[in-house]
Amino acid sequence: MREAYDVIYAPVITEKSSGQMESSNIYTFIVNKDANKIEIGQAIEKLWDVTVKDVRTMRYSGKTKRS
């Protein structure tokens, strides 16, 4: 198993994610693309000493830059 810091890279700080944190206790993170839901949940529980209820993942590609 990987270390927790190898799975979780950084929190996502946007207006939408901040609203979800306040209203629904939903937190958004950038994670390793090879990590599965079990590893993500265990890493969050280890780093912040909380109980994870559910893990949802989403893959997306970045925007292309115009030159």
C-alpha atoms as a PDB file:
ATOM      1  CA  MET A   1       0.000   0.000   0.000  1.00  0.00           C
ATOM      2  CA  ARG A   2       1.146   3.537  -0.711  1.00  0.00           C
ATOM      3  CA  GLU A   3       1.793   6.217   1.859  1.00  0.00           C
ATOM      4  CA  ALA A   4      -1.063   8.655   2.461  1.00  0.00           C
ATOM      5  CA  TYR A   5       0.916  11.578   1.045  1.00  0.00           C
ATOM      6  CA  ASP A   6       1.534   9.594  -2.163  1.00  0.00           C
ATOM      7  CA  VAL A   7      -2.235   9.212  -2.666  1.00  0.00           C
ATOM      8  CA  ILE A   8      -3.565  12.666  -1.675  1.00  0.00           C
ATOM      9  CA  TYR A   9      -1.867  15.586  -3.437  1.00  0.00           C
ATOM     10  CA  ALA A  10      -3.867  18.708  -2.538  1.00  0.00           C
ATOM     11  CA  PRO A  11      -7.355  19.989  -1.742  1.00  0.00           C
ATOM     12  CA  VAL A  12      -9.323  21.740  -4.470  1.00  0.00           C
ATOM     13  CA  ILE A  13     -10.150  25.296  -3.398  1.00  0.00           C
ATOM     14  CA  THR A  14     -12.871  26.733  -5.627  1.00  0.00           C
ATOM     15  CA  GLU A  15     -16.116  28.560  -4.997  1.00  0.00           C
ATOM     16  CA  LYS A  16     -18.128  25.404  -5.663  1.00  0.00           C
ATOM     17  CA  SER A  17     -16.006  23.147  -3.441  1.00  0.00           C
ATOM     18  CA  SER A  18     -16.043  25.734  -0.624  1.00  0.00           C
ATOM     19  CA  GLY A  19     -19.835  25.800  -0.767  1.00  0.00           C
ATOM     20  CA  GLN A  20     -19.986  22.009  -0.575  1.00  0.00           C
ATOM     21  CA  MET A  21     -17.656  22.020   2.434  1.00  0.00           C
ATOM     22  CA  GLU A  22     -19.892  24.414   4.343  1.00  0.00           C
ATOM     23  CA  SER A  23     -23.294  23.003   3.441  1.00  0.00           C
ATOM     24  CA  SER A  24     -22.787  19.261   2.958  1.00  0.00           C
ATOM     25  CA  ASN A  25     -19.390  18.379   4.491  1.00  0.00           C
ATOM     26  CA  ILE A  26     -18.163  17.234   1.070  1.00  0.00           C
ATOM     27  CA  TYR A  27     -14.435  17.724   0.475  1.00  0.00           C
ATOM     28  CA  THR A  28     -12.626  17.687  -2.869  1.00  0.00           C
ATOM     29  CA  PHE A  29      -9.025  16.567  -3.394  1.00  0.00           C
ATOM     30  CA  ILE A  30      -6.578  16.052  -6.226  1.00  0.00           C
ATOM     31  CA  VAL A  31      -5.346  12.469  -5.915  1.00  0.00           C
ATOM     32  CA  ASN A  32      -2.977  10.076  -7.645  1.00  0.00           C
ATOM     33  CA  LYS A  33      -4.596   8.867 -10.864  1.00  0.00           C
ATOM     34  CA  ASP A  34      -3.657   5.251 -10.078  1.00  0.00           C
ATOM     35  CA  ALA A  35      -5.257   5.293  -6.600  1.00  0.00           C
ATOM     36  CA  ASN A  36      -8.511   3.430  -6.085  1.00  0.00           C
ATOM     37  CA  LYS A  37     -11.422   4.414  -3.836  1.00  0.00           C
ATOM     38  CA  ILE A  38     -10.274   2.233  -0.951  1.00  0.00           C
ATOM     39  CA  GLU A  39      -6.783   3.764  -0.932  1.00  0.00           C
ATOM     40  CA  ILE A  40      -8.215   7.292  -1.119  1.00  0.00           C
ATOM     41  CA  GLY A  41     -10.560   6.672   1.808  1.00  0.00           C
ATOM     42  CA  GLN A  42      -7.836   5.101   3.952  1.00  0.00           C
ATOM     43  CA  ALA A  43      -5.417   7.953   3.199  1.00  0.00           C
ATOM     44  CA  ILE A  44      -7.963  10.606   4.225  1.00  0.00           C
ATOM     45  CA  GLU A  45      -8.793   8.717   7.423  1.00  0.00           C
ATOM     46  CA  LYS A  46      -5.095   8.438   8.278  1.00  0.00           C
ATOM     47  CA  LEU A  47      -4.185  12.065   7.511  1.00  0.00           C
ATOM     48  CA  TRP A  48      -7.105  13.824   9.202  1.00  0.00           C
ATOM     49  CA  ASP A  49      -8.295  11.229  11.757  1.00  0.00           C
ATOM     50  CA  VAL A  50     -11.879  11.210  10.472  1.00  0.00           C
ATOM     51  CA  THR A  51     -14.327   8.544   9.343  1.00  0.00           C
ATOM     52  CA  VAL A  52     -14.936   8.524   5.595  1.00  0.00           C
ATOM     53  CA  LYS A  53     -18.535   7.796   4.673  1.00  0.00           C
ATOM     54  CA  ASP A  54     -18.245   7.745   0.871  1.00  0.00           C
ATOM     55  CA  VAL A  55     -15.637   8.267  -1.848  1.00  0.00           C
ATOM     56  CA  ARG A  56     -16.582   9.532  -5.295  1.00  0.00           C
ATOM     57  CA  THR A  57     -14.025   9.835  -8.074  1.00  0.00           C
ATOM     58  CA  MET A  58     -13.985  11.705 -11.347  1.00  0.00           C
ATOM     59  CA  ARG A  59     -11.458  11.708 -14.160  1.00  0.00           C
ATOM     60  CA  TYR A  60     -11.159  14.727 -16.382  1.00  0.00           C
ATOM     61  CA  SER A  61      -8.650  16.097 -18.833  1.00  0.00           C
ATOM     62  CA  GLY A  62      -7.261  19.605 -18.612  1.00  0.00           C
ATOM     63  CA  LYS A  63      -8.157  22.437 -20.908  1.00  0.00           C
ATOM     64  CA  THR A  64      -6.094  22.941 -24.035  1.00  0.00           C
ATOM     65  CA  LYS A  65      -4.169  26.180 -24.372  1.00  0.00           C
ATOM     66  CA  ARG A  66      -4.419  28.353 -27.433  1.00  0.00           C
ATOM     67  CA  SER A  67      -1.164  29.612 -28.835  1.00  0.00           C
END
